[in-house]
Amino acid sequence: MADIDDFLTRYRSAWWANSAAQIESLWDTSEPRPFYKAEEISHIMTDWDVLRGYWQHNEGFNDVNELLYTDIITQSMGDTRLLVGLKMRWDIRFAKDARQMDGSAFAWAGQTMGGDNHVAACLKRVDDDWQLTSWVEAPDAPILYMADLYLKNVRADFPTS
């Protein structure tokens, strides 16, 4: 599990660096197609050029992107593949001049947001290291997510009993 923690630390650092090249370096680009579903994108990206465009767009879209991974679980899928599940806390400050991928105005440019997702990812053993082949971000259903936000939003000094 230490090697998975190390891999996820490097992936987190690549996003913090806001570097498409660093992010891509942690993917197995010898695979014919990636499988990537970001929470904020309405489709699954299965084309390397499309995925690279998404990562490159994020370099100018985000000023700061911090990820925290917890509750990491793994399941072997044979000798060279591993299924990884985790909780992902994300916090982002959008660039002041952030624009959507289509060039249109972005309503929250310059603002910060944060949230929680679950991630399912597939890693493949390449030489002596892990590389991603898929990544899927999934928030909870809206009613669960909103209830959790309400529960977390209670003042620390409010009587609970």
N, C-alpha and C. Protein backbone atom coordinates (compact mmCIF):
# COMPACT_ATOMS: atom_id res chain seq x y z
N MET A 1 0.83 -1.21 0.00
CA MET A 1 0.00 0.00 0.00
C MET A 1 0.86 1.26 0.00
N ALA A 2 2.09 1.16 0.51
CA ALA A 2 2.97 2.33 0.54
C ALA A 2 3.23 2.85 -0.87
N ASP A 3 3.37 1.92 -1.85
CA ASP A 3 3.62 2.38 -3.22
C ASP A 3 2.39 3.08 -3.81
N ILE A 4 1.19 2.70 -3.38
CA ILE A 4 -0.03 3.39 -3.84
C ILE A 4 -0.11 4.76 -3.19
N ASP A 5 0.21 4.85 -1.90
CA ASP A 5 0.25 6.16 -1.23
C ASP A 5 1.25 7.08 -1.92
N ASP A 6 2.42 6.54 -2.26
CA ASP A 6 3.44 7.33 -2.96
C ASP A 6 2.92 7.80 -4.31
N PHE A 7 2.28 6.89 -5.05
CA PHE A 7 1.73 7.26 -6.36
C PHE A 7 0.71 8.39 -6.20
N LEU A 8 -0.21 8.24 -5.26
CA LEU A 8 -1.27 9.25 -5.07
C LEU A 8 -0.68 10.57 -4.60
N THR A 9 0.39 10.55 -3.83
CA THR A 9 1.07 11.79 -3.43
C THR A 9 1.63 12.49 -4.67
N ARG A 10 2.21 11.73 -5.59
CA ARG A 10 2.74 12.33 -6.82
C ARG A 10 1.62 12.87 -7.70
N TYR A 11 0.48 12.15 -7.74
CA TYR A 11 -0.65 12.62 -8.55
C TYR A 11 -1.22 13.92 -7.96
N ARG A 12 -1.35 13.93 -6.66
CA ARG A 12 -1.83 15.13 -5.96
C ARG A 12 -0.89 16.31 -6.23
N SER A 13 0.42 16.06 -6.17
CA SER A 13 1.42 17.11 -6.41
C SER A 13 1.35 17.63 -7.84
N ALA A 14 1.09 16.75 -8.79
CA ALA A 14 0.97 17.17 -10.19
C ALA A 14 -0.20 18.13 -10.36
N TRP A 15 -1.31 17.84 -9.70
CA TRP A 15 -2.47 18.75 -9.77
C TRP A 15 -2.17 20.06 -9.05
N TRP A 16 -1.48 19.98 -7.91
CA TRP A 16 -1.10 21.20 -7.17
C TRP A 16 -0.20 22.07 -8.05
N ALA A 17 0.71 21.44 -8.79
CA ALA A 17 1.62 22.17 -9.68
C ALA A 17 0.87 22.75 -10.89
N ASN A 18 -0.36 22.28 -11.10
CA ASN A 18 -1.19 22.77 -12.20
C ASN A 18 -0.50 22.51 -13.54
N SER A 19 0.09 21.30 -13.64
CA SER A 19 0.89 20.96 -14.80
C SER A 19 0.30 19.78 -15.57
N ALA A 20 -0.20 20.07 -16.78
CA ALA A 20 -0.74 19.00 -17.62
C ALA A 20 0.32 17.95 -17.90
N ALA A 21 1.56 18.37 -18.12
CA ALA A 21 2.63 17.41 -18.42
C ALA A 21 2.90 16.49 -17.23
N GLN A 22 2.91 17.04 -16.02
CA GLN A 22 3.12 16.20 -14.84
C GLN A 22 1.97 15.23 -14.62
N ILE A 23 0.75 15.70 -14.83
CA ILE A 23 -0.42 14.83 -14.68
C ILE A 23 -0.33 13.70 -15.70
N GLU A 24 -0.07 14.04 -16.96
CA GLU A 24 0.00 13.01 -18.00
C GLU A 24 1.12 12.01 -17.74
N SER A 25 2.21 12.44 -17.12
CA SER A 25 3.33 11.54 -16.87
C SER A 25 2.96 10.40 -15.93
N LEU A 26 1.85 10.53 -15.23
CA LEU A 26 1.39 9.50 -14.30
C LEU A 26 0.32 8.60 -14.92
N TRP A 27 0.10 8.76 -16.19
CA TRP A 27 -0.85 7.94 -16.95
C TRP A 27 -0.09 7.04 -17.92
N ASP A 28 -0.64 5.86 -18.18
CA ASP A 28 -0.06 4.95 -19.15
C ASP A 28 -0.59 5.32 -20.54
N THR A 29 0.15 6.16 -21.23
CA THR A 29 -0.29 6.64 -22.54
C THR A 29 -0.07 5.61 -23.64
N SER A 30 0.50 4.44 -23.28
CA SER A 30 0.59 3.37 -24.27
C SER A 30 -0.76 2.66 -24.43
N GLU A 31 -1.66 2.89 -23.48
CA GLU A 31 -3.02 2.34 -23.62
C GLU A 31 -3.69 3.03 -24.81
N PRO A 32 -4.46 2.30 -25.61
CA PRO A 32 -5.08 2.92 -26.79
C PRO A 32 -6.05 4.05 -26.43
N ARG A 33 -6.73 3.92 -25.29
CA ARG A 33 -7.70 4.94 -24.90
C ARG A 33 -7.68 5.13 -23.39
N PRO A 34 -7.75 6.38 -22.95
CA PRO A 34 -7.94 6.61 -21.52
C PRO A 34 -9.41 6.45 -21.17
N PHE A 35 -9.71 6.47 -19.91
CA PHE A 35 -11.10 6.45 -19.43
C PHE A 35 -11.14 7.43 -18.27
N TYR A 36 -11.70 8.63 -18.49
CA TYR A 36 -11.62 9.71 -17.50
C TYR A 36 -12.96 10.42 -17.38
N LYS A 37 -13.50 10.44 -16.18
CA LYS A 37 -14.75 11.16 -15.93
C LYS A 37 -14.53 12.13 -14.78
N ALA A 38 -14.41 13.40 -15.10
CA ALA A 38 -14.32 14.45 -14.10
C ALA A 38 -15.74 14.81 -13.66
N GLU A 39 -15.90 15.16 -12.39
CA GLU A 39 -17.21 15.51 -11.87
C GLU A 39 -17.86 16.63 -12.68
N GLU A 40 -17.05 17.62 -13.09
CA GLU A 40 -17.60 18.83 -13.69
C GLU A 40 -17.78 18.74 -15.21
N ILE A 41 -17.42 17.62 -15.79
CA ILE A 41 -17.56 17.41 -17.24
C ILE A 41 -18.70 16.42 -17.47
N SER A 42 -19.55 16.69 -18.45
CA SER A 42 -20.77 15.90 -18.63
C SER A 42 -20.58 14.61 -19.42
N HIS A 43 -19.34 14.29 -19.77
CA HIS A 43 -19.12 13.08 -20.56
C HIS A 43 -17.83 12.39 -20.10
N ILE A 44 -17.69 11.15 -20.51
CA ILE A 44 -16.47 10.39 -20.23
C ILE A 44 -15.49 10.64 -21.37
N MET A 45 -14.27 11.00 -21.01
CA MET A 45 -13.24 11.26 -22.02
C MET A 45 -12.48 9.97 -22.31
N THR A 46 -12.51 9.53 -23.57
CA THR A 46 -11.86 8.29 -23.98
C THR A 46 -10.91 8.52 -25.15
N ASP A 47 -10.50 9.74 -25.35
CA ASP A 47 -9.59 10.10 -26.43
C ASP A 47 -8.42 10.89 -25.82
N TRP A 48 -7.19 10.49 -26.13
CA TRP A 48 -6.03 11.14 -25.53
C TRP A 48 -5.98 12.63 -25.85
N ASP A 49 -6.30 13.03 -27.08
CA ASP A 49 -6.23 14.45 -27.42
C ASP A 49 -7.27 15.26 -26.64
N VAL A 50 -8.46 14.70 -26.46
CA VAL A 50 -9.50 15.38 -25.69
C VAL A 50 -9.07 15.50 -24.22
N LEU A 51 -8.54 14.42 -23.66
CA LEU A 51 -8.11 14.45 -22.26
C LEU A 51 -6.95 15.42 -22.07
N ARG A 52 -5.99 15.41 -22.98
CA ARG A 52 -4.88 16.36 -22.90
C ARG A 52 -5.39 17.79 -22.97
N GLY A 53 -6.38 18.03 -23.83
CA GLY A 53 -6.99 19.36 -23.93
C GLY A 53 -7.63 19.79 -22.62
N TYR A 54 -8.28 18.86 -21.95
CA TYR A 54 -8.89 19.13 -20.64
C TYR A 54 -7.81 19.51 -19.62
N TRP A 55 -6.74 18.71 -19.55
CA TRP A 55 -5.66 19.01 -18.60
C TRP A 55 -5.01 20.35 -18.92
N GLN A 56 -4.76 20.62 -20.20
CA GLN A 56 -4.13 21.89 -20.59
C GLN A 56 -5.04 23.07 -20.30
N HIS A 57 -6.32 22.90 -20.52
CA HIS A 57 -7.28 23.96 -20.19
C HIS A 57 -7.21 24.30 -18.71
N ASN A 58 -7.10 23.28 -17.87
CA ASN A 58 -7.06 23.50 -16.42
C ASN A 58 -5.85 24.31 -15.98
N GLU A 59 -4.75 24.28 -16.75
CA GLU A 59 -3.57 25.06 -16.38
C GLU A 59 -3.90 26.55 -16.29
N GLY A 60 -4.76 27.05 -17.15
CA GLY A 60 -5.14 28.47 -17.11
C GLY A 60 -6.45 28.71 -16.39
N PHE A 61 -7.21 27.67 -16.17
CA PHE A 61 -8.53 27.77 -15.54
C PHE A 61 -8.43 27.87 -14.02
N ASN A 62 -7.49 27.11 -13.46
CA ASN A 62 -7.31 27.06 -12.00
C ASN A 62 -6.04 27.82 -11.62
N ASP A 63 -6.14 28.61 -10.56
CA ASP A 63 -4.94 29.18 -9.95
C ASP A 63 -4.33 28.16 -8.99
N VAL A 64 -5.19 27.57 -8.17
CA VAL A 64 -4.75 26.60 -7.17
C VAL A 64 -5.76 25.47 -7.15
N ASN A 65 -5.25 24.24 -7.13
CA ASN A 65 -6.11 23.06 -7.08
C ASN A 65 -5.49 22.09 -6.08
N GLU A 66 -6.10 21.98 -4.93
CA GLU A 66 -5.56 21.09 -3.90
C GLU A 66 -6.49 19.90 -3.70
N LEU A 67 -5.91 18.71 -3.70
CA LEU A 67 -6.65 17.48 -3.52
C LEU A 67 -6.15 16.77 -2.27
N LEU A 68 -7.06 16.11 -1.57
CA LEU A 68 -6.70 15.30 -0.41
C LEU A 68 -7.40 13.97 -0.57
N TYR A 69 -6.63 12.88 -0.50
CA TYR A 69 -7.18 11.53 -0.66
C TYR A 69 -7.21 10.83 0.69
N THR A 70 -8.35 10.23 1.03
CA THR A 70 -8.49 9.48 2.28
C THR A 70 -9.26 8.19 1.99
N ASP A 71 -9.33 7.33 3.00
CA ASP A 71 -10.11 6.09 2.93
C ASP A 71 -9.78 5.28 1.67
N ILE A 72 -8.50 5.11 1.42
CA ILE A 72 -8.02 4.44 0.22
C ILE A 72 -8.17 2.92 0.39
N ILE A 73 -8.82 2.32 -0.60
CA ILE A 73 -8.95 0.86 -0.62
C ILE A 73 -8.48 0.36 -1.98
N THR A 74 -7.97 -0.86 -2.00
CA THR A 74 -7.49 -1.42 -3.26
C THR A 74 -8.04 -2.83 -3.44
N GLN A 75 -8.14 -3.22 -4.70
CA GLN A 75 -8.56 -4.57 -5.04
C GLN A 75 -7.75 -5.01 -6.26
N SER A 76 -7.08 -6.13 -6.13
CA SER A 76 -6.27 -6.64 -7.23
C SER A 76 -7.16 -7.04 -8.40
N MET A 77 -6.66 -6.76 -9.59
CA MET A 77 -7.32 -7.17 -10.83
C MET A 77 -6.32 -7.98 -11.65
N GLY A 78 -5.57 -8.86 -10.98
CA GLY A 78 -4.56 -9.66 -11.65
C GLY A 78 -3.17 -9.20 -11.25
N ASP A 79 -2.19 -9.64 -12.00
CA ASP A 79 -0.79 -9.35 -11.67
C ASP A 79 -0.38 -7.91 -11.92
N THR A 80 -1.02 -7.25 -12.87
CA THR A 80 -0.53 -5.93 -13.28
C THR A 80 -1.55 -4.81 -13.13
N ARG A 81 -2.75 -5.11 -12.64
CA ARG A 81 -3.77 -4.06 -12.53
C ARG A 81 -4.35 -4.03 -11.13
N LEU A 82 -4.72 -2.82 -10.73
CA LEU A 82 -5.23 -2.61 -9.39
C LEU A 82 -6.38 -1.62 -9.46
N LEU A 83 -7.49 -1.97 -8.83
CA LEU A 83 -8.62 -1.05 -8.70
C LEU A 83 -8.44 -0.31 -7.39
N VAL A 84 -8.55 1.01 -7.44
CA VAL A 84 -8.37 1.85 -6.25
C VAL A 84 -9.63 2.67 -6.05
N GLY A 85 -10.14 2.66 -4.83
CA GLY A 85 -11.25 3.51 -4.44
C GLY A 85 -10.77 4.44 -3.35
N LEU A 86 -11.27 5.67 -3.35
CA LEU A 86 -10.85 6.63 -2.34
C LEU A 86 -11.86 7.77 -2.23
N LYS A 87 -11.77 8.48 -1.12
CA LYS A 87 -12.50 9.74 -0.99
C LYS A 87 -11.55 10.84 -1.39
N MET A 88 -12.07 11.82 -2.14
CA MET A 88 -11.26 12.94 -2.58
C MET A 88 -11.90 14.25 -2.14
N ARG A 89 -11.19 14.98 -1.33
CA ARG A 89 -11.57 16.35 -0.96
C ARG A 89 -10.87 17.27 -1.93
N TRP A 90 -11.58 18.20 -2.55
CA TRP A 90 -10.96 19.14 -3.48
C TRP A 90 -11.27 20.57 -3.07
N ASP A 91 -10.29 21.42 -3.25
CA ASP A 91 -10.42 22.86 -3.05
C ASP A 91 -9.75 23.55 -4.23
N ILE A 92 -10.46 24.50 -4.84
CA ILE A 92 -9.97 25.16 -6.04
C ILE A 92 -10.17 26.66 -5.92
N ARG A 93 -9.16 27.41 -6.38
CA ARG A 93 -9.33 28.84 -6.64
C ARG A 93 -9.22 29.00 -8.15
N PHE A 94 -10.29 29.47 -8.75
CA PHE A 94 -10.31 29.65 -10.20
C PHE A 94 -9.56 30.91 -10.59
N ALA A 95 -8.94 30.89 -11.74
CA ALA A 95 -8.23 32.06 -12.25
C ALA A 95 -9.21 33.22 -12.42
N LYS A 96 -8.72 34.42 -12.23
CA LYS A 96 -9.58 35.61 -12.35
C LYS A 96 -10.14 35.76 -13.76
N ASP A 97 -9.40 35.25 -14.73
CA ASP A 97 -9.86 35.33 -16.13
C ASP A 97 -10.28 33.96 -16.67
N ALA A 98 -10.69 33.05 -15.78
CA ALA A 98 -11.08 31.69 -16.18
C ALA A 98 -12.22 31.73 -17.18
N ARG A 99 -12.09 30.88 -18.20
CA ARG A 99 -13.13 30.75 -19.21
C ARG A 99 -13.43 29.27 -19.37
N GLN A 100 -14.64 28.96 -19.78
CA GLN A 100 -15.03 27.57 -20.06
C GLN A 100 -14.19 27.04 -21.21
N MET A 101 -14.20 25.72 -21.40
CA MET A 101 -13.42 25.12 -22.48
C MET A 101 -13.84 25.64 -23.85
N ASP A 102 -15.11 26.03 -23.99
CA ASP A 102 -15.58 26.56 -25.27
C ASP A 102 -15.29 28.05 -25.43
N GLY A 103 -14.61 28.66 -24.45
CA GLY A 103 -14.25 30.07 -24.52
C GLY A 103 -15.26 31.01 -23.88
N SER A 104 -16.41 30.50 -23.48
CA SER A 104 -17.43 31.35 -22.88
C SER A 104 -17.04 31.75 -21.46
N ALA A 105 -17.70 32.78 -20.96
CA ALA A 105 -17.42 33.29 -19.61
C ALA A 105 -17.69 32.22 -18.56
N PHE A 106 -16.89 32.23 -17.51
CA PHE A 106 -17.07 31.30 -16.40
C PHE A 106 -17.61 32.10 -15.22
N ALA A 107 -18.78 31.74 -14.73
CA ALA A 107 -19.50 32.51 -13.72
C ALA A 107 -18.73 32.66 -12.40
N TRP A 108 -17.87 31.72 -12.08
CA TRP A 108 -17.19 31.77 -10.78
C TRP A 108 -15.71 32.10 -10.92
N ALA A 109 -15.33 32.76 -12.00
CA ALA A 109 -13.93 33.17 -12.19
C ALA A 109 -13.45 33.96 -10.98
N GLY A 110 -12.25 33.64 -10.50
CA GLY A 110 -11.66 34.34 -9.37
C GLY A 110 -12.15 33.89 -8.01
N GLN A 111 -13.10 32.99 -7.97
CA GLN A 111 -13.66 32.54 -6.69
C GLN A 111 -13.08 31.19 -6.29
N THR A 112 -13.36 30.80 -5.04
CA THR A 112 -12.91 29.51 -4.54
C THR A 112 -14.12 28.63 -4.28
N MET A 113 -13.89 27.32 -4.41
CA MET A 113 -14.91 26.31 -4.15
C MET A 113 -14.22 25.09 -3.56
N GLY A 114 -14.99 24.24 -2.93
CA GLY A 114 -14.47 22.98 -2.44
C GLY A 114 -15.58 21.96 -2.40
N GLY A 115 -15.21 20.70 -2.35
CA GLY A 115 -16.22 19.66 -2.29
C GLY A 115 -15.60 18.30 -2.03
N ASP A 116 -16.46 17.31 -2.05
CA ASP A 116 -16.05 15.94 -1.77
C ASP A 116 -16.56 15.02 -2.86
N ASN A 117 -15.73 14.08 -3.27
CA ASN A 117 -16.09 13.07 -4.26
C ASN A 117 -15.58 11.71 -3.80
N HIS A 118 -16.09 10.70 -4.44
CA HIS A 118 -15.49 9.37 -4.38
C HIS A 118 -14.80 9.19 -5.73
N VAL A 119 -13.72 8.43 -5.74
CA VAL A 119 -13.00 8.16 -6.98
C VAL A 119 -12.83 6.65 -7.11
N ALA A 120 -13.02 6.16 -8.32
CA ALA A 120 -12.64 4.79 -8.68
C ALA A 120 -11.61 4.94 -9.78
N ALA A 121 -10.45 4.34 -9.59
CA ALA A 121 -9.36 4.45 -10.57
C ALA A 121 -8.76 3.08 -10.81
N CYS A 122 -8.25 2.91 -12.00
CA CYS A 122 -7.52 1.68 -12.33
C CYS A 122 -6.06 2.06 -12.56
N LEU A 123 -5.17 1.33 -11.88
CA LEU A 123 -3.74 1.53 -12.07
C LEU A 123 -3.16 0.28 -12.70
N LYS A 124 -2.15 0.49 -13.51
CA LYS A 124 -1.47 -0.61 -14.22
C LYS A 124 0.01 -0.56 -13.86
N ARG A 125 0.56 -1.71 -13.57
CA ARG A 125 1.98 -1.81 -13.27
C ARG A 125 2.76 -1.67 -14.57
N VAL A 126 3.60 -0.66 -14.66
CA VAL A 126 4.44 -0.42 -15.82
C VAL A 126 5.87 -0.32 -15.31
N ASP A 127 6.71 -1.25 -15.72
CA ASP A 127 8.06 -1.37 -15.18
C ASP A 127 7.94 -1.53 -13.67
N ASP A 128 8.53 -0.64 -12.90
CA ASP A 128 8.47 -0.77 -11.44
C ASP A 128 7.56 0.29 -10.81
N ASP A 129 6.63 0.82 -11.56
CA ASP A 129 5.78 1.88 -11.03
C ASP A 129 4.34 1.67 -11.47
N TRP A 130 3.43 2.36 -10.82
CA TRP A 130 2.03 2.35 -11.20
C TRP A 130 1.76 3.51 -12.14
N GLN A 131 0.83 3.30 -13.06
CA GLN A 131 0.35 4.34 -13.97
C GLN A 131 -1.16 4.22 -14.06
N LEU A 132 -1.83 5.35 -14.18
CA LEU A 132 -3.28 5.35 -14.31
C LEU A 132 -3.71 4.92 -15.72
N THR A 133 -4.84 4.21 -15.77
CA THR A 133 -5.50 3.93 -17.05
C THR A 133 -6.92 4.47 -17.03
N SER A 134 -7.47 4.69 -15.83
CA SER A 134 -8.82 5.26 -15.73
C SER A 134 -8.97 5.99 -14.40
N TRP A 135 -9.91 6.96 -14.42
CA TRP A 135 -10.19 7.80 -13.25
C TRP A 135 -11.63 8.26 -13.36
N VAL A 136 -12.44 7.97 -12.35
CA VAL A 136 -13.85 8.37 -12.36
C VAL A 136 -14.18 9.04 -11.03
N GLU A 137 -14.64 10.29 -11.09
CA GLU A 137 -15.04 11.05 -9.90
C GLU A 137 -16.56 11.00 -9.78
N ALA A 138 -17.04 10.70 -8.57
CA ALA A 138 -18.48 10.57 -8.36
C ALA A 138 -18.88 11.22 -7.04
N PRO A 139 -19.60 12.34 -7.10
CA PRO A 139 -20.15 12.90 -5.86
C PRO A 139 -21.33 12.06 -5.40
N ASP A 140 -21.70 12.21 -4.13
CA ASP A 140 -22.89 11.53 -3.64
C ASP A 140 -24.13 12.10 -4.33
N ALA A 141 -25.23 11.39 -4.23
CA ALA A 141 -26.51 11.89 -4.74
C ALA A 141 -26.80 13.25 -4.09
N PRO A 142 -27.44 14.16 -4.80
CA PRO A 142 -27.66 15.51 -4.27
C PRO A 142 -28.27 15.54 -2.87
N ILE A 143 -29.25 14.70 -2.58
CA ILE A 143 -29.88 14.76 -1.27
C ILE A 143 -28.90 14.37 -0.16
N LEU A 144 -28.04 13.38 -0.41
CA LEU A 144 -27.03 13.00 0.58
C LEU A 144 -25.97 14.08 0.73
N TYR A 145 -25.54 14.63 -0.40
CA TYR A 145 -24.52 15.67 -0.39
C TYR A 145 -25.01 16.91 0.36
N MET A 146 -26.23 17.33 0.08
CA MET A 146 -26.78 18.52 0.75
C MET A 146 -26.97 18.27 2.24
N ALA A 147 -27.47 17.08 2.61
CA ALA A 147 -27.64 16.77 4.03
C ALA A 147 -26.30 16.82 4.75
N ASP A 148 -25.26 16.28 4.12
CA ASP A 148 -23.93 16.32 4.72
C ASP A 148 -23.44 17.76 4.89
N LEU A 149 -23.68 18.61 3.89
CA LEU A 149 -23.29 20.02 4.00
C LEU A 149 -24.03 20.70 5.15
N TYR A 150 -25.32 20.43 5.29
CA TYR A 150 -26.07 21.01 6.39
C TYR A 150 -25.54 20.54 7.74
N LEU A 151 -25.23 19.25 7.85
CA LEU A 151 -24.70 18.72 9.10
C LEU A 151 -23.34 19.32 9.44
N LYS A 152 -22.50 19.52 8.44
CA LYS A 152 -21.17 20.10 8.66
C LYS A 152 -21.23 21.59 8.97
N ASN A 153 -22.33 22.24 8.64
CA ASN A 153 -22.43 23.69 8.75
C ASN A 153 -22.92 24.17 10.12
N VAL A 154 -23.16 23.28 11.05
CA VAL A 154 -23.61 23.68 12.38
C VAL A 154 -22.46 24.34 13.12
N ARG A 155 -22.76 25.46 13.78
CA ARG A 155 -21.74 26.16 14.56
C ARG A 155 -21.12 25.22 15.60
N ALA A 156 -19.84 25.34 15.83
CA ALA A 156 -19.13 24.49 16.79
C ALA A 156 -19.68 24.67 18.20
N ASP A 157 -20.18 25.88 18.53
CA ASP A 157 -20.66 26.14 19.89
C ASP A 157 -22.16 25.90 20.06
N PHE A 158 -22.83 25.37 19.02
CA PHE A 158 -24.27 25.12 19.11
C PHE A 158 -24.53 23.87 19.94
N PRO A 159 -25.48 23.92 20.90
CA PRO A 159 -25.74 22.73 21.73
C PRO A 159 -26.30 21.58 20.89
N THR A 160 -25.71 20.41 21.05
CA THR A 160 -26.13 19.24 20.27
C THR A 160 -26.98 18.27 21.06
N SER A 161 -27.15 18.51 22.35
CA SER A 161 -28.02 17.62 23.13
C SER A 161 -28.79 18.39 24.17
